[in-house]
Amino acid sequence: MTREEIVEKVNALLAEEFEVDEALFTPEANVRETLSLDSLSLVDLVAIIQQTYKIKIPVTELREIKTFNNLYDYIESHVAAA
C-alpha cells in the first residue's frame, strides 16, 4: 500500500466518521483539534484505524500521534511491517 493510498483512505474514513471536511486534513494539522476529538472520539479513531489496517496502536504510541503526518507515518510503518 502506497503512502498516497493510505492518505486517501484515512482521510475518507475520518471525514465520513467525524463529519469534517477533508480539506482541513493537512499533514501538519493537529488530529485531535481538526476532528474535535474528546477521549471517547479518540477511542473511535483508534478503532477505525485498527480495524481498517489490522494494526494495534498502544496508548504510549498514540500519545506521539499529534499531526495527520504522524498518523500516516505510523500506519505506513506498521502496515509495511505486517
PDB file of N, CA and C in Angstrom:
ATOM      1  N   MET A   1       0.856  -1.182   0.000  1.00  0.00           N
ATOM      2  CA  MET A   1       0.000   0.000   0.000  1.00  0.00           C
ATOM      3  C   MET A   1       0.901   1.245   0.000  1.00  0.00           C
ATOM      4  N   THR A   2       0.638   2.159  -0.924  1.00  0.00           N
ATOM      5  CA  THR A   2       1.475   3.354  -1.021  1.00  0.00           C
ATOM      6  C   THR A   2       1.039   4.418  -0.012  1.00  0.00           C
ATOM      7  N   ARG A   3       1.914   5.366   0.192  1.00  0.00           N
ATOM      8  CA  ARG A   3       1.607   6.486   1.101  1.00  0.00           C
ATOM      9  C   ARG A   3       0.345   7.214   0.623  1.00  0.00           C
ATOM     10  N   GLU A   4       0.244   7.436  -0.692  1.00  0.00           N
ATOM     11  CA  GLU A   4      -0.918   8.153  -1.242  1.00  0.00           C
ATOM     12  C   GLU A   4      -2.213   7.394  -0.959  1.00  0.00           C
ATOM     13  N   GLU A   5      -2.165   6.062  -1.084  1.00  0.00           N
ATOM     14  CA  GLU A   5      -3.358   5.254  -0.813  1.00  0.00           C
ATOM     15  C   GLU A   5      -3.748   5.335   0.662  1.00  0.00           C
ATOM     16  N   ILE A   6      -2.758   5.332   1.538  1.00  0.00           N
ATOM     17  CA  ILE A   6      -3.022   5.455   2.976  1.00  0.00           C
ATOM     18  C   ILE A   6      -3.668   6.803   3.274  1.00  0.00           C
ATOM     19  N   VAL A   7      -3.072   7.873   2.751  1.00  0.00           N
ATOM     20  CA  VAL A   7      -3.589   9.229   2.990  1.00  0.00           C
ATOM     21  C   VAL A   7      -5.026   9.333   2.483  1.00  0.00           C
ATOM     22  N   GLU A   8      -5.265   8.856   1.267  1.00  0.00           N
ATOM     23  CA  GLU A   8      -6.604   8.918   0.677  1.00  0.00           C
ATOM     24  C   GLU A   8      -7.631   8.166   1.518  1.00  0.00           C
ATOM     25  N   LYS A   9      -7.296   6.941   1.888  1.00  0.00           N
ATOM     26  CA  LYS A   9      -8.236   6.093   2.635  1.00  0.00           C
ATOM     27  C   LYS A   9      -8.489   6.641   4.038  1.00  0.00           C
ATOM     28  N   VAL A  10      -7.413   7.031   4.731  1.00  0.00           N
ATOM     29  CA  VAL A  10      -7.561   7.574   6.090  1.00  0.00           C
ATOM     30  C   VAL A  10      -8.411   8.837   6.054  1.00  0.00           C
ATOM     31  N   ASN A  11      -8.108   9.739   5.131  1.00  0.00           N
ATOM     32  CA  ASN A  11      -8.864  10.986   5.044  1.00  0.00           C
ATOM     33  C   ASN A  11     -10.339  10.732   4.768  1.00  0.00           C
ATOM     34  N   ALA A  12     -10.629   9.806   3.851  1.00  0.00           N
ATOM     35  CA  ALA A  12     -12.025   9.496   3.526  1.00  0.00           C
ATOM     36  C   ALA A  12     -12.746   8.897   4.737  1.00  0.00           C
ATOM     37  N   LEU A  13     -12.094   7.958   5.415  1.00  0.00           N
ATOM     38  CA  LEU A  13     -12.696   7.339   6.603  1.00  0.00           C
ATOM     39  C   LEU A  13     -12.982   8.360   7.698  1.00  0.00           C
ATOM     40  N   LEU A  14     -11.994   9.196   7.977  1.00  0.00           N
ATOM     41  CA  LEU A  14     -12.145  10.163   9.070  1.00  0.00           C
ATOM     42  C   LEU A  14     -13.140  11.264   8.724  1.00  0.00           C
ATOM     43  N   ALA A  15     -13.151  11.700   7.479  1.00  0.00           N
ATOM     44  CA  ALA A  15     -14.108  12.738   7.065  1.00  0.00           C
ATOM     45  C   ALA A  15     -15.533  12.234   7.234  1.00  0.00           C
ATOM     46  N   GLU A  16     -15.751  10.969   6.853  1.00  0.00           N
ATOM     47  CA  GLU A  16     -17.090  10.390   6.975  1.00  0.00           C
ATOM     48  C   GLU A  16     -17.467  10.165   8.441  1.00  0.00           C
ATOM     49  N   GLU A  17     -16.565   9.557   9.204  1.00  0.00           N
ATOM     50  CA  GLU A  17     -16.862   9.221  10.596  1.00  0.00           C
ATOM     51  C   GLU A  17     -17.087  10.458  11.469  1.00  0.00           C
ATOM     52  N   PHE A  18     -16.244  11.481  11.283  1.00  0.00           N
ATOM     53  CA  PHE A  18     -16.306  12.648  12.166  1.00  0.00           C
ATOM     54  C   PHE A  18     -16.968  13.864  11.514  1.00  0.00           C
ATOM     55  N   GLU A  19     -17.460  13.666  10.277  1.00  0.00           N
ATOM     56  CA  GLU A  19     -18.174  14.723   9.550  1.00  0.00           C
ATOM     57  C   GLU A  19     -17.374  16.020   9.500  1.00  0.00           C
ATOM     58  N   VAL A  20     -16.147  15.887   9.021  1.00  0.00           N
ATOM     59  CA  VAL A  20     -15.241  17.034   8.884  1.00  0.00           C
ATOM     60  C   VAL A  20     -14.766  17.075   7.441  1.00  0.00           C
ATOM     61  N   ASP A  21     -14.636  18.283   6.878  1.00  0.00           N
ATOM     62  CA  ASP A  21     -14.184  18.461   5.503  1.00  0.00           C
ATOM     63  C   ASP A  21     -12.738  17.973   5.352  1.00  0.00           C
ATOM     64  N   GLU A  22     -12.512  17.103   4.378  1.00  0.00           N
ATOM     65  CA  GLU A  22     -11.171  16.566   4.134  1.00  0.00           C
ATOM     66  C   GLU A  22     -10.144  17.662   3.836  1.00  0.00           C
ATOM     67  N   ALA A  23     -10.591  18.796   3.356  1.00  0.00           N
ATOM     68  CA  ALA A  23      -9.677  19.894   3.037  1.00  0.00           C
ATOM     69  C   ALA A  23      -8.921  20.376   4.282  1.00  0.00           C
ATOM     70  N   LEU A  24      -9.468  20.111   5.458  1.00  0.00           N
ATOM     71  CA  LEU A  24      -8.817  20.520   6.711  1.00  0.00           C
ATOM     72  C   LEU A  24      -7.694  19.566   7.118  1.00  0.00           C
ATOM     73  N   PHE A  25      -7.610  18.414   6.466  1.00  0.00           N
ATOM     74  CA  PHE A  25      -6.623  17.394   6.826  1.00  0.00           C
ATOM     75  C   PHE A  25      -5.282  17.657   6.148  1.00  0.00           C
ATOM     76  N   THR A  26      -4.596  18.676   6.613  1.00  0.00           N
ATOM     77  CA  THR A  26      -3.261  18.956   6.079  1.00  0.00           C
ATOM     78  C   THR A  26      -2.257  18.149   6.895  1.00  0.00           C
ATOM     79  N   PRO A  27      -1.098  17.821   6.301  1.00  0.00           N
ATOM     80  CA  PRO A  27      -0.126  16.990   7.014  1.00  0.00           C
ATOM     81  C   PRO A  27       0.260  17.514   8.396  1.00  0.00           C
ATOM     82  N   GLU A  28       0.340  18.828   8.566  1.00  0.00           N
ATOM     83  CA  GLU A  28       0.771  19.389   9.847  1.00  0.00           C
ATOM     84  C   GLU A  28      -0.379  19.748  10.783  1.00  0.00           C
ATOM     85  N   ALA A  29      -1.633  19.528  10.336  1.00  0.00           N
ATOM     86  CA  ALA A  29      -2.789  19.841  11.186  1.00  0.00           C
ATOM     87  C   ALA A  29      -2.836  18.880  12.375  1.00  0.00           C
ATOM     88  N   ASN A  30      -3.255  19.399  13.526  1.00  0.00           N
ATOM     89  CA  ASN A  30      -3.388  18.582  14.726  1.00  0.00           C
ATOM     90  C   ASN A  30      -4.639  17.703  14.595  1.00  0.00           C
ATOM     91  N   VAL A  31      -4.463  16.404  14.720  1.00  0.00           N
ATOM     92  CA  VAL A  31      -5.562  15.449  14.543  1.00  0.00           C
ATOM     93  C   VAL A  31      -6.696  15.710  15.530  1.00  0.00           C
ATOM     94  N   ARG A  32      -6.346  15.823  16.806  1.00  0.00           N
ATOM     95  CA  ARG A  32      -7.388  15.983  17.837  1.00  0.00           C
ATOM     96  C   ARG A  32      -8.172  17.279  17.652  1.00  0.00           C
ATOM     97  N   GLU A  33      -7.481  18.371  17.337  1.00  0.00           N
ATOM     98  CA  GLU A  33      -8.166  19.659  17.156  1.00  0.00           C
ATOM     99  C   GLU A  33      -9.003  19.663  15.878  1.00  0.00           C
ATOM    100  N   THR A  34      -8.435  19.168  14.784  1.00  0.00           N
ATOM    101  CA  THR A  34      -9.138  19.182  13.498  1.00  0.00           C
ATOM    102  C   THR A  34     -10.421  18.356  13.554  1.00  0.00           C
ATOM    103  N   LEU A  35     -10.362  17.224  14.231  1.00  0.00           N
ATOM    104  CA  LEU A  35     -11.531  16.348  14.320  1.00  0.00           C
ATOM    105  C   LEU A  35     -12.378  16.616  15.564  1.00  0.00           C
ATOM    106  N   SER A  36     -11.975  17.601  16.372  1.00  0.00           N
ATOM    107  CA  SER A  36     -12.668  17.932  17.630  1.00  0.00           C
ATOM    108  C   SER A  36     -12.857  16.681  18.490  1.00  0.00           C
ATOM    109  N   LEU A  37     -11.764  15.967  18.719  1.00  0.00           N
ATOM    110  CA  LEU A  37     -11.836  14.705  19.453  1.00  0.00           C
ATOM    111  C   LEU A  37     -11.812  14.902  20.959  1.00  0.00           C
ATOM    112  N   ASP A  38     -12.740  14.222  21.626  1.00  0.00           N
ATOM    113  CA  ASP A  38     -12.654  14.094  23.075  1.00  0.00           C
ATOM    114  C   ASP A  38     -12.133  12.677  23.318  1.00  0.00           C
ATOM    115  N   SER A  39     -12.040  12.260  24.560  1.00  0.00           N
ATOM    116  CA  SER A  39     -11.447  10.942  24.833  1.00  0.00           C
ATOM    117  C   SER A  39     -12.252   9.804  24.206  1.00  0.00           C
ATOM    118  N   LEU A  40     -13.567   9.925  24.152  1.00  0.00           N
ATOM    119  CA  LEU A  40     -14.395   8.882  23.562  1.00  0.00           C
ATOM    120  C   LEU A  40     -14.216   8.823  22.041  1.00  0.00           C
ATOM    121  N   SER A  41     -14.180   9.980  21.399  1.00  0.00           N
ATOM    122  CA  SER A  41     -13.983  10.029  19.950  1.00  0.00           C
ATOM    123  C   SER A  41     -12.605   9.506  19.572  1.00  0.00           C
ATOM    124  N   LEU A  42     -11.640   9.742  20.442  1.00  0.00           N
ATOM    125  CA  LEU A  42     -10.284   9.252  20.200  1.00  0.00           C
ATOM    126  C   LEU A  42     -10.276   7.724  20.152  1.00  0.00           C
ATOM    127  N   VAL A  43     -11.068   7.108  21.019  1.00  0.00           N
ATOM    128  CA  VAL A  43     -11.204   5.648  21.014  1.00  0.00           C
ATOM    129  C   VAL A  43     -11.798   5.200  19.672  1.00  0.00           C
ATOM    130  N   ASP A  44     -12.781   5.938  19.171  1.00  0.00           N
ATOM    131  CA  ASP A  44     -13.378   5.625  17.867  1.00  0.00           C
ATOM    132  C   ASP A  44     -12.333   5.709  16.755  1.00  0.00           C
ATOM    133  N   LEU A  45     -11.529   6.751  16.799  1.00  0.00           N
ATOM    134  CA  LEU A  45     -10.472   6.933  15.797  1.00  0.00           C
ATOM    135  C   LEU A  45      -9.524   5.733  15.805  1.00  0.00           C
ATOM    136  N   VAL A  46      -9.073   5.349  16.987  1.00  0.00           N
ATOM    137  CA  VAL A  46      -8.149   4.214  17.115  1.00  0.00           C
ATOM    138  C   VAL A  46      -8.811   2.937  16.594  1.00  0.00           C
ATOM    139  N   ALA A  47     -10.077   2.723  16.942  1.00  0.00           N
ATOM    140  CA  ALA A  47     -10.793   1.523  16.496  1.00  0.00           C
ATOM    141  C   ALA A  47     -10.890   1.474  14.970  1.00  0.00           C
ATOM    142  N   ILE A  48     -11.187   2.600  14.357  1.00  0.00           N
ATOM    143  CA  ILE A  48     -11.291   2.665  12.889  1.00  0.00           C
ATOM    144  C   ILE A  48      -9.957   2.294  12.242  1.00  0.00           C
ATOM    145  N   ILE A  49      -8.880   2.882  12.736  1.00  0.00           N
ATOM    146  CA  ILE A  49      -7.548   2.615  12.175  1.00  0.00           C
ATOM    147  C   ILE A  49      -7.161   1.150  12.402  1.00  0.00           C
ATOM    148  N   GLN A  50      -7.389   0.658  13.603  1.00  0.00           N
ATOM    149  CA  GLN A  50      -7.023  -0.731  13.921  1.00  0.00           C
ATOM    150  C   GLN A  50      -7.813  -1.725  13.071  1.00  0.00           C
ATOM    151  N   GLN A  51      -9.104  -1.492  12.896  1.00  0.00           N
ATOM    152  CA  GLN A  51      -9.922  -2.401  12.093  1.00  0.00           C
ATOM    153  C   GLN A  51      -9.554  -2.331  10.616  1.00  0.00           C
ATOM    154  N   THR A  52      -9.356  -1.141  10.124  1.00  0.00           N
ATOM    155  CA  THR A  52      -9.069  -0.957   8.703  1.00  0.00           C
ATOM    156  C   THR A  52      -7.728  -1.551   8.310  1.00  0.00           C
ATOM    157  N   TYR A  53      -6.715  -1.309   9.133  1.00  0.00           N
ATOM    158  CA  TYR A  53      -5.355  -1.720   8.770  1.00  0.00           C
ATOM    159  C   TYR A  53      -4.846  -2.937   9.535  1.00  0.00           C
ATOM    160  N   LYS A  54      -5.676  -3.482  10.419  1.00  0.00           N
ATOM    161  CA  LYS A  54      -5.281  -4.672  11.198  1.00  0.00           C
ATOM    162  C   LYS A  54      -3.969  -4.454  11.950  1.00  0.00           C
ATOM    163  N   ILE A  55      -3.867  -3.284  12.561  1.00  0.00           N
ATOM    164  CA  ILE A  55      -2.691  -2.965  13.378  1.00  0.00           C
ATOM    165  C   ILE A  55      -3.163  -2.516  14.755  1.00  0.00           C
ATOM    166  N   LYS A  56      -2.283  -2.605  15.733  1.00  0.00           N
ATOM    167  CA  LYS A  56      -2.586  -2.140  17.086  1.00  0.00           C
ATOM    168  C   LYS A  56      -1.877  -0.811  17.311  1.00  0.00           C
ATOM    169  N   ILE A  57      -2.545   0.085  18.026  1.00  0.00           N
ATOM    170  CA  ILE A  57      -1.926   1.351  18.403  1.00  0.00           C
ATOM    171  C   ILE A  57      -1.921   1.414  19.930  1.00  0.00           C
ATOM    172  N   PRO A  58      -0.797   1.093  20.554  1.00  0.00           N
ATOM    173  CA  PRO A  58      -0.712   1.172  22.014  1.00  0.00           C
ATOM    174  C   PRO A  58      -0.866   2.626  22.487  1.00  0.00           C
ATOM    175  N   VAL A  59      -1.397   2.797  23.676  1.00  0.00           N
ATOM    176  CA  VAL A  59      -1.625   4.134  24.239  1.00  0.00           C
ATOM    177  C   VAL A  59      -0.339   4.961  24.235  1.00  0.00           C
ATOM    178  N   THR A  60       0.776   4.332  24.556  1.00  0.00           N
ATOM    179  CA  THR A  60       2.045   5.070  24.603  1.00  0.00           C
ATOM    180  C   THR A  60       2.407   5.642  23.235  1.00  0.00           C
ATOM    181  N   GLU A  61       2.107   4.889  22.180  1.00  0.00           N
ATOM    182  CA  GLU A  61       2.407   5.383  20.835  1.00  0.00           C
ATOM    183  C   GLU A  61       1.342   6.362  20.356  1.00  0.00           C
ATOM    184  N   LEU A  62       0.118   6.190  20.815  1.00  0.00           N
ATOM    185  CA  LEU A  62      -0.964   7.098  20.442  1.00  0.00           C
ATOM    186  C   LEU A  62      -0.636   8.525  20.881  1.00  0.00           C
ATOM    187  N   ARG A  63      -0.002   8.649  22.023  1.00  0.00           N
ATOM    188  CA  ARG A  63       0.369   9.981  22.539  1.00  0.00           C
ATOM    189  C   ARG A  63       1.315  10.716  21.592  1.00  0.00           C
ATOM    190  N   GLU A  64       2.088   9.959  20.820  1.00  0.00           N
ATOM    191  CA  GLU A  64       3.049  10.555  19.888  1.00  0.00           C
ATOM    192  C   GLU A  64       2.401  10.995  18.574  1.00  0.00           C
ATOM    193  N   ILE A  65       1.186  10.546  18.320  1.00  0.00           N
ATOM    194  CA  ILE A  65       0.499  10.891  17.074  1.00  0.00           C
ATOM    195  C   ILE A  65      -0.255  12.202  17.290  1.00  0.00           C
ATOM    196  N   LYS A  66       0.352  13.270  16.841  1.00  0.00           N
ATOM    197  CA  LYS A  66      -0.245  14.590  17.038  1.00  0.00           C
ATOM    198  C   LYS A  66      -0.807  15.155  15.730  1.00  0.00           C
ATOM    199  N   THR A  67      -0.065  14.998  14.637  1.00  0.00           N
ATOM    200  CA  THR A  67      -0.496  15.549  13.350  1.00  0.00           C
ATOM    201  C   THR A  67      -0.974  14.432  12.424  1.00  0.00           C
ATOM    202  N   PHE A  68      -1.609  14.835  11.344  1.00  0.00           N
ATOM    203  CA  PHE A  68      -2.031  13.841  10.359  1.00  0.00           C
ATOM    204  C   PHE A  68      -0.811  13.148   9.772  1.00  0.00           C
ATOM    205  N   ASN A  69       0.272  13.881   9.593  1.00  0.00           N
ATOM    206  CA  ASN A  69       1.508  13.287   9.083  1.00  0.00           C
ATOM    207  C   ASN A  69       1.989  12.176  10.021  1.00  0.00           C
ATOM    208  N   ASN A  70       1.930  12.416  11.341  1.00  0.00           N
ATOM    209  CA  ASN A  70       2.311  11.384  12.320  1.00  0.00           C
ATOM    210  C   ASN A  70       1.433  10.144  12.148  1.00  0.00           C
ATOM    211  N   LEU A  71       0.152  10.368  11.940  1.00  0.00           N
ATOM    212  CA  LEU A  71      -0.793   9.257  11.782  1.00  0.00           C
ATOM    213  C   LEU A  71      -0.471   8.461  10.524  1.00  0.00           C
ATOM    214  N   TYR A  72      -0.265   9.167   9.402  1.00  0.00           N
ATOM    215  CA  TYR A  72       0.080   8.481   8.145  1.00  0.00           C
ATOM    216  C   TYR A  72       1.391   7.710   8.300  1.00  0.00           C
ATOM    217  N   ASP A  73       2.382   8.338   8.943  1.00  0.00           N
ATOM    218  CA  ASP A  73       3.687   7.675   9.148  1.00  0.00           C
ATOM    219  C   ASP A  73       3.505   6.395   9.961  1.00  0.00           C
ATOM    220  N   TYR A  74       2.733   6.488  11.024  1.00  0.00           N
ATOM    221  CA  TYR A  74       2.522   5.333  11.903  1.00  0.00           C
ATOM    222  C   TYR A  74       1.887   4.185  11.111  1.00  0.00           C
ATOM    223  N   ILE A  75       0.829   4.497  10.388  1.00  0.00           N
ATOM    224  CA  ILE A  75       0.139   3.461   9.617  1.00  0.00           C
ATOM    225  C   ILE A  75       1.080   2.877   8.563  1.00  0.00           C
ATOM    226  N   GLU A  76       1.761   3.753   7.842  1.00  0.00           N
ATOM    227  CA  GLU A  76       2.666   3.304   6.774  1.00  0.00           C
ATOM    228  C   GLU A  76       3.741   2.363   7.328  1.00  0.00           C
ATOM    229  N   SER A  77       4.332   2.708   8.454  1.00  0.00           N
ATOM    230  CA  SER A  77       5.408   1.875   9.001  1.00  0.00           C
ATOM    231  C   SER A  77       4.881   0.553   9.543  1.00  0.00           C
ATOM    232  N   HIS A  78       3.667   0.538  10.076  1.00  0.00           N
ATOM    233  CA  HIS A  78       3.131  -0.698  10.657  1.00  0.00           C
ATOM    234  C   HIS A  78       2.454  -1.601   9.623  1.00  0.00           C
ATOM    235  N   VAL A  79       1.904  -1.009   8.578  1.00  0.00           N
ATOM    236  CA  VAL A  79       1.312  -1.822   7.515  1.00  0.00           C
ATOM    237  C   VAL A  79       2.425  -2.508   6.736  1.00  0.00           C
ATOM    238  N   ALA A  80       3.523  -1.799   6.514  1.00  0.00           N
ATOM    239  CA  ALA A  80       4.668  -2.367   5.792  1.00  0.00           C
ATOM    240  C   ALA A  80       5.268  -3.526   6.578  1.00  0.00           C
ATOM    241  N   ALA A  81       5.245  -3.419   7.895  1.00  0.00           N
ATOM    242  CA  ALA A  81       5.848  -4.448   8.766  1.00  0.00           C
ATOM    243  C   ALA A  81       4.934  -5.670   8.930  1.00  0.00           C
ATOM    244  N   ALA A  82       3.643  -5.475   8.679  1.00  0.00           N
ATOM    245  CA  ALA A  82       2.685  -6.566   8.918  1.00  0.00           C
ATOM    246  C   ALA A  82       2.752  -7.632   7.830  1.00  0.00           C
TER     247      ALA A  82
END
